[in-house]
């Protein structure tokens, strides 16, 4: 054997040995990947639980507001009813229903407002420049 052949043979044996060694060695990043996956799963589960709890709280708040609305005396003046804050979405709904030609009573039923509140919102929208005719 020549010197060059012996170097080639040594390199071949070394490469085969390293290949076999790499198969049996433990992956140093495997634990890190598994840990990251575990943390991601925990975070997803926690977010799901938080969203569930938030949904329950929102439902409780909506249920909690209903008795408050019912406690408003029927003989109150229109001015005292307006003090109750009406959400902008409801105002937009009133505006759209008015544009469709519904009566004040129909709008009041659909938007869960009193007729006086509907008239007040219509007047407010008219003054803001949101004509509904």
N, C-alpha and C. Protein backbone atom coordinates (compact mmCIF):
# COMPACT_ATOMS: atom_id res chain seq x y z
N UNK A 1 0.84 -1.18 0.00
CA UNK A 1 0.00 0.00 0.00
C UNK A 1 0.88 1.24 0.00
N UNK A 2 0.45 2.16 -0.71
CA UNK A 2 1.19 3.41 -0.73
C UNK A 2 0.70 4.31 0.38
N UNK A 3 1.45 5.33 0.55
CA UNK A 3 1.11 6.30 1.60
C UNK A 3 -0.25 6.94 1.33
N UNK A 4 -0.54 7.25 0.09
CA UNK A 4 -1.79 7.88 -0.29
C UNK A 4 -2.97 6.93 -0.07
N UNK A 5 -2.79 5.65 -0.39
CA UNK A 5 -3.85 4.68 -0.17
C UNK A 5 -4.13 4.51 1.31
N UNK A 6 -3.11 4.51 2.12
CA UNK A 6 -3.31 4.35 3.56
C UNK A 6 -4.03 5.57 4.16
N UNK A 7 -3.75 6.76 3.66
CA UNK A 7 -4.45 7.96 4.13
C UNK A 7 -5.92 7.88 3.72
N UNK A 8 -6.18 7.45 2.48
CA UNK A 8 -7.56 7.32 2.00
C UNK A 8 -8.32 6.28 2.83
N UNK A 9 -7.65 5.17 3.14
CA UNK A 9 -8.28 4.12 3.94
C UNK A 9 -8.56 4.63 5.35
N UNK A 10 -7.63 5.36 5.93
CA UNK A 10 -7.80 5.91 7.27
C UNK A 10 -8.95 6.91 7.29
N UNK A 11 -9.03 7.74 6.27
CA UNK A 11 -10.12 8.71 6.19
C UNK A 11 -11.46 8.02 6.00
N UNK A 12 -11.50 6.95 5.22
CA UNK A 12 -12.74 6.20 5.01
C UNK A 12 -13.20 5.56 6.32
N UNK A 13 -12.26 4.95 7.03
CA UNK A 13 -12.59 4.32 8.31
C UNK A 13 -13.05 5.38 9.31
N UNK A 14 -12.38 6.52 9.34
CA UNK A 14 -12.76 7.61 10.25
C UNK A 14 -14.16 8.12 9.92
N UNK A 15 -14.49 8.28 8.64
CA UNK A 15 -15.81 8.78 8.25
C UNK A 15 -16.90 7.77 8.59
N UNK A 16 -16.64 6.48 8.38
CA UNK A 16 -17.62 5.45 8.76
C UNK A 16 -17.80 5.43 10.26
N UNK A 17 -16.72 5.56 10.99
CA UNK A 17 -16.80 5.60 12.46
C UNK A 17 -17.60 6.80 12.94
N UNK A 18 -17.37 7.96 12.36
CA UNK A 18 -18.13 9.16 12.75
C UNK A 18 -19.60 9.03 12.37
N UNK A 19 -19.88 8.40 11.24
CA UNK A 19 -21.27 8.19 10.82
C UNK A 19 -21.99 7.29 11.83
N UNK A 20 -21.35 6.21 12.22
CA UNK A 20 -21.95 5.28 13.20
C UNK A 20 -22.09 5.99 14.54
N UNK A 21 -21.12 6.76 14.94
CA UNK A 21 -21.17 7.50 16.20
C UNK A 21 -22.32 8.52 16.19
N UNK A 22 -22.53 9.18 15.07
CA UNK A 22 -23.59 10.19 14.99
C UNK A 22 -24.98 9.56 15.10
N UNK A 23 -25.11 8.32 14.63
CA UNK A 23 -26.39 7.64 14.72
C UNK A 23 -26.73 7.35 16.18
N UNK A 24 -25.74 6.98 16.97
CA UNK A 24 -25.99 6.59 18.36
C UNK A 24 -25.93 7.75 19.34
N UNK A 25 -25.39 8.88 18.93
CA UNK A 25 -25.33 10.02 19.84
C UNK A 25 -26.72 10.64 20.01
N UNK A 26 -26.94 11.18 21.20
CA UNK A 26 -28.21 11.82 21.52
C UNK A 26 -28.25 13.21 20.88
N UNK A 27 -29.43 13.58 20.32
CA UNK A 27 -29.61 14.89 19.70
C UNK A 27 -29.66 15.95 20.80
N UNK A 28 -28.72 16.89 20.83
CA UNK A 28 -28.71 17.88 21.91
C UNK A 28 -29.90 18.85 21.82
N UNK A 29 -30.49 19.02 20.67
CA UNK A 29 -31.60 19.96 20.51
C UNK A 29 -32.97 19.31 20.67
N UNK A 30 -32.97 17.98 20.79
CA UNK A 30 -34.24 17.28 20.90
C UNK A 30 -34.98 17.70 22.17
N UNK A 31 -34.28 17.75 23.29
CA UNK A 31 -34.92 18.15 24.55
C UNK A 31 -35.43 19.58 24.46
N UNK A 32 -34.65 20.44 23.86
CA UNK A 32 -35.04 21.84 23.73
C UNK A 32 -36.30 21.97 22.87
N UNK A 33 -36.36 21.22 21.77
CA UNK A 33 -37.55 21.25 20.91
C UNK A 33 -38.78 20.72 21.65
N UNK A 34 -38.59 19.64 22.39
CA UNK A 34 -39.72 19.08 23.14
C UNK A 34 -40.20 20.05 24.21
N UNK A 35 -39.27 20.72 24.86
CA UNK A 35 -39.62 21.69 25.89
C UNK A 35 -40.39 22.88 25.27
N UNK A 36 -39.93 23.33 24.11
CA UNK A 36 -40.62 24.43 23.42
C UNK A 36 -42.03 24.00 23.01
N UNK A 37 -42.17 22.78 22.51
CA UNK A 37 -43.49 22.28 22.13
C UNK A 37 -44.41 22.21 23.35
N UNK A 38 -43.87 21.75 24.46
CA UNK A 38 -44.65 21.65 25.69
C UNK A 38 -45.11 23.04 26.16
N UNK A 39 -44.21 24.00 26.11
CA UNK A 39 -44.56 25.36 26.51
C UNK A 39 -45.62 25.96 25.59
N UNK A 40 -45.50 25.69 24.30
CA UNK A 40 -46.49 26.19 23.34
C UNK A 40 -47.86 25.60 23.63
N UNK A 41 -47.90 24.31 23.90
CA UNK A 41 -49.18 23.66 24.22
C UNK A 41 -49.78 24.23 25.49
N UNK A 42 -48.96 24.46 26.51
CA UNK A 42 -49.46 25.05 27.76
C UNK A 42 -50.02 26.44 27.51
N UNK A 43 -49.31 27.21 26.71
CA UNK A 43 -49.77 28.57 26.41
C UNK A 43 -51.09 28.55 25.65
N UNK A 44 -51.23 27.65 24.71
CA UNK A 44 -52.48 27.54 23.95
C UNK A 44 -53.63 27.14 24.88
N UNK A 45 -53.37 26.20 25.79
CA UNK A 45 -54.40 25.78 26.73
C UNK A 45 -54.80 26.91 27.66
N UNK A 46 -53.81 27.67 28.14
CA UNK A 46 -54.11 28.79 29.03
C UNK A 46 -54.92 29.86 28.31
N UNK A 47 -54.58 30.14 27.06
CA UNK A 47 -55.33 31.13 26.28
C UNK A 47 -56.77 30.67 26.08
N UNK A 48 -56.96 29.38 25.83
CA UNK A 48 -58.30 28.84 25.66
C UNK A 48 -59.11 29.02 26.95
N UNK A 49 -58.48 28.70 28.09
CA UNK A 49 -59.18 28.83 29.36
C UNK A 49 -59.51 30.29 29.66
N UNK A 50 -58.59 31.19 29.34
CA UNK A 50 -58.84 32.61 29.57
C UNK A 50 -59.99 33.10 28.70
N UNK A 51 -60.01 32.67 27.45
CA UNK A 51 -61.09 33.08 26.56
C UNK A 51 -62.43 32.53 27.05
N UNK A 52 -62.42 31.31 27.56
CA UNK A 52 -63.65 30.72 28.10
C UNK A 52 -64.15 31.53 29.29
N UNK A 53 -63.23 31.86 30.20
CA UNK A 53 -63.61 32.63 31.38
C UNK A 53 -64.09 34.02 30.99
N UNK A 54 -63.44 34.63 30.01
CA UNK A 54 -63.84 35.95 29.56
C UNK A 54 -65.25 35.91 28.96
N UNK A 55 -65.53 34.87 28.21
CA UNK A 55 -66.86 34.72 27.63
C UNK A 55 -67.92 34.60 28.73
N UNK A 56 -67.61 33.81 29.77
CA UNK A 56 -68.55 33.65 30.88
C UNK A 56 -68.76 34.99 31.58
N UNK A 57 -67.67 35.73 31.80
CA UNK A 57 -67.79 37.04 32.45
C UNK A 57 -68.61 38.00 31.61
N UNK A 58 -68.39 38.00 30.31
CA UNK A 58 -69.18 38.88 29.43
C UNK A 58 -70.65 38.53 29.50
N UNK A 59 -70.96 37.23 29.52
CA UNK A 59 -72.36 36.82 29.61
C UNK A 59 -72.96 37.24 30.94
N UNK A 60 -72.16 37.13 32.03
CA UNK A 60 -72.66 37.55 33.34
C UNK A 60 -72.90 39.05 33.36
N UNK A 61 -72.02 39.81 32.72
CA UNK A 61 -72.21 41.26 32.67
C UNK A 61 -73.45 41.62 31.89
N UNK A 62 -73.68 40.92 30.78
CA UNK A 62 -74.88 41.20 30.00
C UNK A 62 -76.13 40.85 30.80
N UNK A 63 -76.09 39.75 31.52
CA UNK A 63 -77.23 39.36 32.35
C UNK A 63 -77.37 40.35 33.50
N UNK A 64 -76.24 40.81 34.03
CA UNK A 64 -76.26 41.76 35.14
C UNK A 64 -76.81 43.11 34.74
N UNK A 65 -76.70 43.50 33.47
CA UNK A 65 -77.21 44.79 33.03
C UNK A 65 -78.72 44.77 32.84
N UNK A 66 -79.30 43.63 32.51
CA UNK A 66 -80.73 43.56 32.24
C UNK A 66 -81.57 44.03 33.41
N UNK A 67 -81.32 43.59 34.66
CA UNK A 67 -82.15 44.09 35.76
C UNK A 67 -81.99 45.60 35.94
N UNK A 68 -80.81 46.13 35.67
CA UNK A 68 -80.59 47.57 35.81
C UNK A 68 -81.48 48.33 34.84
N UNK A 69 -81.60 47.84 33.64
CA UNK A 69 -82.43 48.50 32.63
C UNK A 69 -83.89 48.41 33.05
N UNK A 70 -84.29 47.30 33.62
CA UNK A 70 -85.68 47.12 34.02
C UNK A 70 -86.04 47.97 35.22
N UNK A 71 -85.06 48.43 35.99
CA UNK A 71 -85.32 49.22 37.18
C UNK A 71 -85.64 50.67 36.86
N UNK A 72 -85.46 51.09 35.60
CA UNK A 72 -85.76 52.47 35.22
C UNK A 72 -87.26 52.66 35.33
N UNK A 73 -87.71 53.64 36.10
CA UNK A 73 -89.15 53.83 36.27
C UNK A 73 -89.83 54.18 34.96
N UNK A 74 -91.05 53.65 34.77
CA UNK A 74 -91.78 53.87 33.52
C UNK A 74 -92.23 55.31 33.38
N UNK A 75 -92.47 56.01 34.50
CA UNK A 75 -92.98 57.36 34.43
C UNK A 75 -91.87 58.41 34.34
N UNK A 76 -90.63 57.96 34.12
CA UNK A 76 -89.51 58.90 34.00
C UNK A 76 -89.68 59.74 32.76
N UNK A 77 -89.14 60.92 32.82
CA UNK A 77 -89.21 61.80 31.65
C UNK A 77 -88.20 61.33 30.61
N UNK A 78 -88.35 61.81 29.40
CA UNK A 78 -87.45 61.44 28.31
C UNK A 78 -86.04 61.89 28.62
N UNK A 79 -85.91 62.98 29.33
CA UNK A 79 -84.58 63.52 29.64
C UNK A 79 -83.81 62.56 30.55
N UNK A 80 -84.47 61.98 31.54
CA UNK A 80 -83.76 61.07 32.44
C UNK A 80 -83.42 59.76 31.75
N UNK A 81 -84.21 59.34 30.75
CA UNK A 81 -83.90 58.12 30.02
C UNK A 81 -82.68 58.29 29.13
N UNK A 82 -82.48 59.48 28.63
CA UNK A 82 -81.36 59.74 27.74
C UNK A 82 -80.04 59.63 28.50
N UNK A 83 -80.07 59.82 29.81
CA UNK A 83 -78.85 59.73 30.62
C UNK A 83 -78.22 58.36 30.52
N UNK A 84 -79.05 57.32 30.28
CA UNK A 84 -78.51 55.98 30.12
C UNK A 84 -77.74 55.96 28.81
N UNK A 85 -76.49 55.59 28.86
CA UNK A 85 -75.61 55.60 27.68
C UNK A 85 -76.06 54.56 26.68
N UNK A 86 -76.31 54.99 25.45
CA UNK A 86 -76.69 54.09 24.37
C UNK A 86 -75.47 53.89 23.49
N UNK A 87 -75.15 52.65 23.24
CA UNK A 87 -73.95 52.32 22.46
C UNK A 87 -74.09 52.81 21.03
N UNK A 88 -72.97 53.17 20.43
CA UNK A 88 -72.94 53.72 19.07
C UNK A 88 -73.52 52.74 18.05
N UNK A 89 -73.32 51.45 18.28
CA UNK A 89 -73.86 50.43 17.36
C UNK A 89 -75.39 50.48 17.37
N UNK A 90 -75.98 50.65 18.55
CA UNK A 90 -77.43 50.75 18.66
C UNK A 90 -77.92 52.01 17.94
N UNK A 91 -77.17 53.11 18.09
CA UNK A 91 -77.55 54.35 17.41
C UNK A 91 -77.52 54.15 15.89
N UNK A 92 -76.49 53.46 15.42
CA UNK A 92 -76.41 53.18 13.97
C UNK A 92 -77.57 52.30 13.53
N UNK A 93 -77.93 51.33 14.37
CA UNK A 93 -79.06 50.46 14.04
C UNK A 93 -80.34 51.27 13.95
N UNK A 94 -80.54 52.19 14.90
CA UNK A 94 -81.72 53.04 14.88
C UNK A 94 -81.74 53.86 13.60
N UNK A 95 -80.58 54.40 13.22
CA UNK A 95 -80.49 55.21 12.01
C UNK A 95 -80.85 54.38 10.77
N UNK A 96 -80.31 53.16 10.68
CA UNK A 96 -80.59 52.31 9.53
C UNK A 96 -82.07 51.91 9.47
N UNK A 97 -82.64 51.58 10.62
CA UNK A 97 -84.06 51.19 10.64
C UNK A 97 -84.95 52.37 10.27
N UNK A 98 -84.53 53.56 10.69
CA UNK A 98 -85.29 54.76 10.33
C UNK A 98 -85.25 54.98 8.83
N UNK A 99 -84.06 54.78 8.24
CA UNK A 99 -83.91 54.93 6.79
C UNK A 99 -84.77 53.91 6.03
N UNK A 100 -85.00 52.75 6.65
CA UNK A 100 -85.82 51.72 6.01
C UNK A 100 -87.31 52.02 6.12
N UNK A 101 -87.64 53.06 6.89
CA UNK A 101 -89.04 53.48 6.98
C UNK A 101 -89.82 52.84 8.10
N UNK A 102 -89.17 52.22 9.07
CA UNK A 102 -89.88 51.62 10.19
C UNK A 102 -90.39 52.71 11.13
N UNK A 103 -91.47 52.40 11.82
CA UNK A 103 -92.02 53.37 12.77
C UNK A 103 -91.18 53.38 14.04
N UNK A 104 -91.39 54.41 14.84
CA UNK A 104 -90.63 54.56 16.09
C UNK A 104 -90.88 53.35 17.00
N UNK A 105 -92.12 52.88 17.04
CA UNK A 105 -92.44 51.74 17.91
C UNK A 105 -91.74 50.47 17.44
N UNK A 106 -91.70 50.26 16.12
CA UNK A 106 -91.02 49.07 15.58
C UNK A 106 -89.52 49.15 15.87
N UNK A 107 -88.95 50.32 15.69
CA UNK A 107 -87.52 50.49 15.98
C UNK A 107 -87.25 50.26 17.45
N UNK A 108 -88.14 50.76 18.31
CA UNK A 108 -87.96 50.59 19.76
C UNK A 108 -87.98 49.11 20.12
N UNK A 109 -88.88 48.35 19.51
CA UNK A 109 -88.94 46.91 19.81
C UNK A 109 -87.66 46.20 19.34
N UNK A 110 -87.20 46.52 18.13
CA UNK A 110 -86.04 45.83 17.58
C UNK A 110 -84.74 46.20 18.27
N UNK A 111 -84.66 47.43 18.78
CA UNK A 111 -83.40 47.87 19.39
C UNK A 111 -83.43 47.84 20.91
N UNK A 112 -84.52 47.38 21.50
CA UNK A 112 -84.67 47.29 22.96
C UNK A 112 -84.54 48.66 23.63
N UNK A 113 -85.06 49.66 22.97
CA UNK A 113 -85.06 51.01 23.53
C UNK A 113 -86.50 51.47 23.69
N UNK A 114 -86.68 52.53 24.46
CA UNK A 114 -88.02 53.11 24.57
C UNK A 114 -88.26 54.01 23.37
N UNK A 115 -89.50 54.26 23.04
CA UNK A 115 -89.79 55.17 21.91
C UNK A 115 -89.18 56.56 22.11
N UNK A 116 -89.16 57.03 23.36
CA UNK A 116 -88.54 58.34 23.63
C UNK A 116 -87.05 58.31 23.32
N UNK A 117 -86.38 57.22 23.66
CA UNK A 117 -84.95 57.10 23.36
C UNK A 117 -84.71 57.07 21.86
N UNK A 118 -85.59 56.37 21.14
CA UNK A 118 -85.46 56.29 19.69
C UNK A 118 -85.60 57.68 19.08
N UNK A 119 -86.61 58.43 19.56
CA UNK A 119 -86.81 59.79 19.04
C UNK A 119 -85.61 60.67 19.36
N UNK A 120 -85.06 60.52 20.55
CA UNK A 120 -83.90 61.32 20.94
C UNK A 120 -82.71 60.99 20.05
N UNK A 121 -82.49 59.71 19.77
CA UNK A 121 -81.38 59.30 18.90
C UNK A 121 -81.59 59.83 17.49
N UNK A 122 -82.84 59.76 17.01
CA UNK A 122 -83.13 60.27 15.67
C UNK A 122 -82.84 61.77 15.59
N UNK A 123 -83.25 62.50 16.62
CA UNK A 123 -83.00 63.94 16.65
C UNK A 123 -81.50 64.22 16.70
N UNK A 124 -80.81 63.46 17.54
CA UNK A 124 -79.35 63.63 17.66
C UNK A 124 -78.67 63.36 16.32
N UNK A 125 -79.07 62.30 15.65
CA UNK A 125 -78.46 61.96 14.36
C UNK A 125 -78.79 63.03 13.32
N UNK A 126 -79.99 63.59 13.39
CA UNK A 126 -80.39 64.63 12.45
C UNK A 126 -79.50 65.86 12.64
N UNK A 127 -79.24 66.22 13.89
CA UNK A 127 -78.40 67.38 14.18
C UNK A 127 -76.94 67.12 13.83
N UNK A 128 -76.51 65.87 13.90
CA UNK A 128 -75.14 65.53 13.52
C UNK A 128 -74.94 65.52 12.01
N UNK A 129 -76.04 65.59 11.28
CA UNK A 129 -75.92 65.60 9.83
C UNK A 129 -76.13 64.25 9.21
N UNK A 130 -76.59 63.27 10.00
CA UNK A 130 -76.87 61.94 9.46
C UNK A 130 -78.35 61.88 9.10
N UNK A 131 -78.71 62.54 8.05
CA UNK A 131 -80.11 62.56 7.64
C UNK A 131 -80.60 61.16 7.34
N UNK A 132 -81.84 60.88 7.63
CA UNK A 132 -82.38 59.55 7.40
C UNK A 132 -83.58 59.57 6.49
N UNK A 133 -83.87 60.69 5.93
CA UNK A 133 -84.99 60.75 4.99
C UNK A 133 -84.58 60.17 3.67
